[in-house]
Amino acid sequence: MRAAIVTRYGPPAVLRIVEIPAMVPRRGEVIVRQCATSVSAGDARIRGARIPRGFGLILRVVFGWNRPRQPVLGIAVAGVVARIGAGVTDLAPGDRVMGTTAMAMGAHAEEVAIKANRLLPLPAGLSMAAAAALPFGALTALFFLRDRARVAAGDRVLVIGASGAVGAAMVQLAVHMGAKVTAVCSGPNAALVRGLGATRVIDYRTEDFRAMGERQDVIVDCVGKTTAPDAQAALVPGGRLCLVVAPLVAILTAGWQSRRNGIRVLTGTGGEAPADLAALAGLVATGALSPLIGATFPFDQIAEAHTLCDSGRKIGNTVILFGEVAQTPA
């Protein structure tokens, strides 16, 4: 089978598609033949060793010193069960499934080994492309909105970076939770973000959200552009600032910044619980959530997908399609 491997940290050109031996499932594992996956900002950051300030040593200890210890990146699984390991009783070859490999990665390949308990049946009506686009942004959004900020009906929520994979999910989930959402993005993406449910859109190139005269209950920065002092003027006293992407110093000083600025600075890393993914898939089925797909690429062009992620102009999710799926509309 073929896999996209990263043999050293660097630009998209370090990616190579190579033949690797077919996988044999271990006990409790399933081998999924991939129909679709995604290239996320996280994948691009690991490949390029481009991470928030202060995390350089941590990245190399966790992921590998000179190159990723797991050369096959990617977490999104959307495909068909090919083989099952011993002890797997609730899945069978031919089942259409979705899930995430989490920290194990390995999804940028034609086949993926994954624990059976990390998979769920592909819901009727959900395309493989949408299933691959759902996990990264929506799981992160759910973690920050539900678990960290505890958004409630009537809250005013401002989302910075609202046209990205995480931001687009933030807007939709906040609206679903009953919040009034203001979105910050570039002007050309304003109509798209309004279509996701934002009641107001701020073009960051011509407007400053801090000067708009309305205080928010929650500000979510999906792109690492805001600090606690920046956000203080736009938050109610005791308001919540969620830093999805933050340098190490911001994470370590979150408590001090909270006390100093009279707001709550919230950081963290979202989980990837299958139960949460199942709940999100249920919201897709009801129409409350729609994974935003900005671009699709065939597997052979995965380096181009990484280039798009590096450009800073990515909209929504970037999806990779395999085989026959790549020849049909997503």
Protein backbone atom coordinates (compact mmCIF):
# COMPACT_ATOMS: atom_id res chain seq x y z
CA MET A 1 0.00 0.00 0.00
CA ARG A 2 1.04 3.64 -0.35
CA ALA A 3 1.64 6.15 2.41
CA ALA A 4 2.76 9.77 2.58
CA ILE A 5 5.81 9.93 4.80
CA VAL A 6 7.81 12.77 6.34
CA THR A 7 11.48 11.83 6.65
CA ARG A 8 12.63 15.18 8.09
CA TYR A 9 11.08 18.40 9.31
CA GLY A 10 10.73 20.97 6.56
CA PRO A 11 8.56 22.41 3.78
CA PRO A 12 5.90 20.40 1.93
CA ALA A 13 8.58 19.10 -0.43
CA VAL A 14 9.83 16.76 2.34
CA LEU A 15 6.65 14.68 1.87
CA ARG A 16 7.08 11.52 -0.21
CA ILE A 17 4.52 8.92 -1.22
CA VAL A 18 6.08 5.48 -0.90
CA GLU A 19 5.08 1.83 -0.86
CA ILE A 20 5.02 0.27 2.60
CA PRO A 21 4.06 -3.25 3.69
CA ALA A 22 0.37 -4.02 4.15
CA MET A 23 -0.73 -3.82 7.77
CA VAL A 24 -1.80 -6.78 9.87
CA PRO A 25 -4.33 -5.89 12.58
CA ARG A 26 -3.39 -6.55 16.19
CA ARG A 27 -5.90 -7.69 18.76
CA GLY A 28 -8.69 -5.14 19.04
CA GLU A 29 -7.58 -3.35 15.88
CA VAL A 30 -9.20 -2.80 12.51
CA ILE A 31 -7.54 -2.04 9.19
CA VAL A 32 -9.51 0.64 7.34
CA ARG A 33 -9.11 1.25 3.64
CA GLN A 34 -9.14 5.02 3.43
CA CYS A 35 -11.60 6.86 1.22
CA ALA A 36 -10.82 10.30 2.63
CA THR A 37 -8.71 12.05 5.24
CA SER A 38 -7.72 15.64 5.95
CA VAL A 39 -4.58 17.74 6.15
CA SER A 40 -4.99 20.03 9.14
CA ALA A 41 -3.06 22.98 10.47
CA GLY A 42 -1.75 20.56 13.10
CA ASP A 43 -0.34 18.24 10.44
CA ALA A 44 1.35 21.15 8.70
CA ARG A 45 2.82 22.45 11.95
CA ILE A 46 4.30 19.06 12.83
CA ARG A 47 5.71 18.54 9.33
CA GLY A 48 7.34 21.96 9.31
CA ALA A 49 8.23 22.03 13.04
CA ARG A 50 6.34 25.33 13.09
CA ILE A 51 4.63 25.53 16.43
CA PRO A 52 3.84 28.26 18.98
CA ARG A 53 6.84 29.84 20.65
CA GLY A 54 8.32 27.84 23.50
CA PHE A 55 7.19 24.43 22.28
CA GLY A 56 10.22 23.59 20.10
CA LEU A 57 11.92 21.27 22.59
CA ILE A 58 8.60 19.72 23.61
CA LEU A 59 7.72 18.96 19.97
CA ARG A 60 11.01 17.19 19.36
CA VAL A 61 10.77 15.17 22.57
CA VAL A 62 7.18 14.11 21.88
CA PHE A 63 7.22 13.69 18.09
CA GLY A 64 10.87 13.05 17.24
CA TRP A 65 14.16 14.98 17.30
CA ASN A 66 15.17 15.37 13.65
CA ARG A 67 12.04 13.96 12.02
CA PRO A 68 8.63 12.74 13.13
CA ARG A 69 8.91 9.46 15.00
CA GLN A 70 5.67 8.50 13.25
CA PRO A 71 6.47 9.40 9.62
CA VAL A 72 2.84 9.06 8.49
CA LEU A 73 0.85 12.04 9.76
CA GLY A 74 -2.90 12.61 9.85
CA ILE A 75 -5.66 11.68 12.31
CA ALA A 76 -8.90 11.63 10.28
CA VAL A 77 -10.19 8.21 9.23
CA ALA A 78 -13.07 7.80 6.78
CA GLY A 79 -13.28 4.59 4.81
CA VAL A 80 -14.22 0.92 4.65
CA VAL A 81 -13.17 -1.85 7.01
CA ALA A 82 -10.73 -4.10 5.18
CA ARG A 83 -9.55 -6.52 7.90
CA ILE A 84 -10.30 -7.06 11.57
CA GLY A 85 -8.12 -8.31 14.40
CA ALA A 86 -8.86 -10.84 17.09
CA GLY A 87 -11.45 -9.73 19.62
CA VAL A 88 -13.29 -7.37 17.28
CA THR A 89 -16.94 -8.40 17.19
CA ASP A 90 -18.92 -5.28 16.32
CA LEU A 91 -17.31 -4.51 12.96
CA ALA A 92 -16.92 -6.53 9.79
CA PRO A 93 -15.13 -6.14 6.47
CA GLY A 94 -17.10 -3.81 4.22
CA ASP A 95 -18.48 -1.62 7.02
CA ARG A 96 -18.28 2.12 6.29
CA VAL A 97 -16.70 3.87 9.26
CA MET A 98 -15.19 7.11 10.53
CA GLY A 99 -12.99 8.07 13.46
CA THR A 100 -9.66 9.49 14.54
CA THR A 101 -6.29 7.94 15.32
CA ALA A 102 -5.52 10.75 17.80
CA MET A 103 -1.84 10.97 18.80
CA ALA A 104 -1.05 7.73 16.98
CA MET A 105 -1.58 9.54 13.64
CA GLY A 106 -0.98 7.37 10.54
CA ALA A 107 -4.07 8.45 8.57
CA HIS A 108 -2.22 9.79 5.51
CA ALA A 109 -2.05 6.35 3.94
CA GLU A 110 -4.23 4.09 1.82
CA GLU A 111 -4.81 1.87 4.86
CA VAL A 112 -4.86 2.70 8.56
CA ALA A 113 -4.58 0.52 11.66
CA ILE A 114 -6.89 1.83 14.37
CA LYS A 115 -8.44 0.54 17.58
CA ALA A 116 -11.97 -0.66 16.84
CA ASN A 117 -13.35 1.33 19.77
CA ARG A 118 -12.20 4.56 18.10
CA LEU A 119 -14.49 3.99 15.11
CA LEU A 120 -18.17 4.64 14.58
CA PRO A 121 -20.45 3.72 11.69
CA LEU A 122 -20.58 6.34 8.96
CA PRO A 123 -23.99 8.02 9.39
CA ALA A 124 -26.38 7.75 6.47
CA GLY A 125 -26.12 10.78 4.22
CA LEU A 126 -22.65 11.79 5.42
CA SER A 127 -20.08 11.70 2.63
CA MET A 128 -16.60 10.31 3.20
CA ALA A 129 -15.19 13.78 2.54
CA ALA A 130 -17.43 15.35 5.19
CA ALA A 131 -16.55 12.58 7.64
CA ALA A 132 -12.85 13.33 7.13
CA ALA A 133 -13.44 17.08 7.54
CA LEU A 134 -15.42 16.78 10.78
CA PRO A 135 -12.96 15.71 13.52
CA PHE A 136 -10.14 18.27 13.65
CA GLY A 137 -12.10 21.52 13.74
CA ALA A 138 -15.30 20.36 15.40
CA LEU A 139 -13.69 18.41 18.24
CA THR A 140 -11.47 21.38 19.07
CA ALA A 141 -14.44 23.75 18.93
CA LEU A 142 -16.54 21.51 21.16
CA PHE A 143 -13.77 21.29 23.75
CA PHE A 144 -13.30 25.05 24.04
CA LEU A 145 -16.95 26.07 23.85
CA ARG A 146 -18.46 23.34 26.02
CA ASP A 147 -15.67 22.31 28.38
CA ARG A 148 -13.55 25.45 28.77
CA ALA A 149 -15.76 28.51 28.15
CA ARG A 150 -19.01 26.73 29.05
CA VAL A 151 -20.98 28.76 26.55
CA ALA A 152 -24.67 29.13 27.36
CA ALA A 153 -27.70 30.47 25.55
CA GLY A 154 -27.58 34.25 25.31
CA ASP A 155 -23.79 34.53 25.52
CA ARG A 156 -22.08 36.89 23.10
CA VAL A 157 -19.21 35.04 21.44
CA LEU A 158 -16.56 36.52 19.15
CA VAL A 159 -14.57 34.09 16.98
CA ILE A 160 -11.23 35.21 15.55
CA GLY A 161 -10.25 33.20 12.47
CA ALA A 162 -13.85 32.25 11.73
CA SER A 163 -13.27 30.95 8.19
CA GLY A 164 -10.75 28.25 9.15
CA ALA A 165 -11.45 24.65 10.05
CA VAL A 166 -11.67 25.33 13.78
CA GLY A 167 -13.27 28.76 13.43
CA ALA A 168 -16.04 27.60 11.11
CA ALA A 169 -16.95 24.86 13.59
CA MET A 170 -16.77 27.38 16.46
CA VAL A 171 -19.29 29.66 14.77
CA GLN A 172 -21.76 26.86 14.09
CA LEU A 173 -21.50 25.18 17.49
CA ALA A 174 -21.76 28.49 19.35
CA VAL A 175 -24.92 29.32 17.39
CA HIS A 176 -26.27 25.84 18.18
CA MET A 177 -25.62 26.52 21.88
CA GLY A 178 -27.75 29.66 21.64
CA ALA A 179 -25.00 32.26 21.49
CA LYS A 180 -24.96 35.44 19.43
CA VAL A 181 -21.81 35.17 17.31
CA THR A 182 -19.56 37.87 15.90
CA ALA A 183 -16.98 36.54 13.46
CA VAL A 184 -13.58 37.99 12.58
CA CYS A 185 -12.17 37.04 9.16
CA SER A 186 -11.12 38.63 5.87
CA GLY A 187 -13.72 40.55 3.88
CA PRO A 188 -13.94 38.07 1.00
CA ASN A 189 -15.04 35.36 3.46
CA ALA A 190 -17.73 37.48 5.14
CA ALA A 191 -20.69 36.02 3.24
CA LEU A 192 -19.47 32.49 3.86
CA VAL A 193 -19.20 33.08 7.61
CA ARG A 194 -22.62 34.74 7.78
CA GLY A 195 -23.95 31.61 6.13
CA LEU A 196 -22.57 29.63 9.07
CA GLY A 197 -24.71 31.66 11.46
CA ALA A 198 -22.66 34.70 12.49
CA THR A 199 -24.84 37.76 13.05
CA ARG A 200 -21.97 40.19 12.56
CA VAL A 201 -18.70 39.92 10.62
CA ILE A 202 -15.61 42.06 11.20
CA ASP A 203 -12.99 42.36 8.44
CA TYR A 204 -9.74 42.22 10.39
CA ARG A 205 -7.93 44.12 7.63
CA THR A 206 -10.05 47.26 8.04
CA GLU A 207 -11.65 46.98 11.50
CA ASP A 208 -10.46 46.38 15.05
CA PHE A 209 -12.79 44.23 17.15
CA ARG A 210 -11.54 46.01 20.29
CA ALA A 211 -12.97 49.30 19.03
CA MET A 212 -16.42 48.13 18.00
CA GLY A 213 -18.08 49.27 21.23
CA GLU A 214 -19.69 45.98 22.24
CA ARG A 215 -18.29 43.75 24.95
CA GLN A 216 -18.34 39.99 24.59
CA ASP A 217 -18.86 37.20 27.09
CA VAL A 218 -16.42 34.96 25.24
CA ILE A 219 -13.63 35.59 22.73
CA VAL A 220 -12.17 32.57 20.96
CA ASP A 221 -8.87 33.12 19.14
CA CYS A 222 -8.38 30.26 16.69
CA VAL A 223 -5.26 31.67 15.00
CA GLY A 224 -2.96 32.96 17.74
CA LYS A 225 -3.38 36.69 17.15
CA THR A 226 -4.68 37.88 20.54
CA THR A 227 -3.34 38.35 24.05
CA ALA A 228 -5.15 38.90 27.32
CA PRO A 229 -4.39 42.67 27.39
CA ASP A 230 -5.66 42.94 23.79
CA ALA A 231 -8.92 41.18 24.61
CA GLN A 232 -9.63 42.85 27.94
CA ALA A 233 -11.27 45.92 26.40
CA ALA A 234 -13.65 43.75 24.36
CA LEU A 235 -14.72 41.41 27.18
CA VAL A 236 -17.14 41.90 30.03
CA PRO A 237 -15.55 41.73 33.50
CA GLY A 238 -14.88 38.06 34.15
CA GLY A 239 -15.31 37.25 30.46
CA ARG A 240 -13.56 34.26 28.94
CA LEU A 241 -10.70 34.38 26.45
CA CYS A 242 -10.05 31.03 24.77
CA LEU A 243 -6.59 30.73 23.19
CA VAL A 244 -6.77 27.78 20.79
CA VAL A 245 -3.24 28.51 19.53
CA ALA A 246 -0.91 30.06 22.09
CA PRO A 247 2.81 30.32 22.90
CA LEU A 248 4.04 28.42 25.93
CA VAL A 249 4.41 31.59 27.99
CA ALA A 250 0.71 32.42 27.49
CA ILE A 251 -0.27 28.97 28.70
CA LEU A 252 2.02 29.10 31.73
CA THR A 253 0.86 32.58 32.71
CA ALA A 254 -2.86 32.09 32.01
CA GLY A 255 -3.77 32.19 35.69
CA TRP A 256 -1.69 35.33 36.33
CA GLN A 257 -3.08 37.03 33.22
CA SER A 258 -6.60 36.19 34.37
CA ARG A 259 -6.05 37.89 37.73
CA ARG A 260 -4.19 40.85 36.23
CA ASN A 261 -6.74 41.62 33.50
CA GLY A 262 -9.95 40.66 35.28
CA ILE A 263 -10.88 38.01 32.72
CA ARG A 264 -10.49 34.23 32.47
CA VAL A 265 -7.75 33.11 30.09
CA LEU A 266 -8.46 29.54 28.96
CA THR A 267 -6.07 27.23 27.10
CA GLY A 268 -5.76 23.50 26.63
CA THR A 269 -5.80 20.66 24.15
CA GLY A 270 -9.08 19.20 23.02
CA GLY A 271 -9.77 15.52 23.43
CA GLU A 272 -10.79 13.16 20.67
CA ALA A 273 -13.33 10.97 22.45
CA PRO A 274 -15.35 8.80 20.06
CA ALA A 275 -18.49 9.74 22.00
CA ASP A 276 -17.90 13.41 21.22
CA LEU A 277 -17.33 12.63 17.54
CA ALA A 278 -20.57 10.63 17.51
CA ALA A 279 -22.41 13.59 19.04
CA LEU A 280 -20.98 15.90 16.39
CA ALA A 281 -21.97 13.48 13.62
CA GLY A 282 -25.48 13.62 15.08
CA LEU A 283 -25.48 17.40 14.75
CA VAL A 284 -24.44 17.03 11.12
CA ALA A 285 -27.41 14.70 10.59
CA THR A 286 -29.80 17.32 11.98
CA GLY A 287 -28.27 20.16 9.94
CA ALA A 288 -26.97 22.03 12.99
CA LEU A 289 -23.37 21.51 11.88
CA SER A 290 -21.84 21.25 8.43
CA PRO A 291 -18.11 20.54 8.05
CA LEU A 292 -16.70 23.33 5.90
CA ILE A 293 -14.56 21.95 3.04
CA GLY A 294 -12.49 24.60 1.33
CA ALA A 295 -10.43 22.39 -0.96
CA THR A 296 -10.00 18.75 -1.95
CA PHE A 297 -6.94 17.05 -3.38
CA PRO A 298 -6.27 13.52 -4.63
CA PHE A 299 -3.83 11.58 -2.45
CA ASP A 300 -1.06 12.01 -5.02
CA GLN A 301 -1.23 15.78 -4.41
CA ILE A 302 -1.00 15.74 -0.62
CA ALA A 303 2.11 17.98 -0.76
CA GLU A 304 -0.01 20.63 -2.49
CA ALA A 305 -2.53 20.33 0.35
CA HIS A 306 0.27 21.04 2.83
CA THR A 307 1.32 24.04 0.74
CA LEU A 308 -2.21 25.42 1.00
CA CYS A 309 -2.16 24.96 4.78
CA ASP A 310 1.15 26.81 4.96
CA SER A 311 -0.17 29.72 2.89
CA GLY A 312 -2.39 31.18 5.59
CA ARG A 313 -5.22 31.38 3.05
CA LYS A 314 -6.87 28.05 3.79
CA ILE A 315 -10.65 28.12 4.12
CA GLY A 316 -12.27 25.44 6.24
CA ASN A 317 -10.90 21.94 5.96
CA THR A 318 -8.53 20.57 3.35
CA VAL A 319 -9.61 17.05 2.39
CA ILE A 320 -7.60 14.29 0.73
CA LEU A 321 -9.49 11.77 -1.42
CA PHE A 322 -8.28 8.29 -2.27
CA GLY A 323 -8.83 6.07 -5.28
CA GLU A 324 -12.22 6.11 -6.94
CA VAL A 325 -13.54 8.63 -4.39
CA ALA A 326 -11.05 11.17 -5.77
CA GLN A 327 -12.76 10.96 -9.16
CA THR A 328 -16.23 11.82 -7.84
CA PRO A 329 -17.61 15.02 -6.28
CA ALA A 330 -17.05 15.32 -2.52
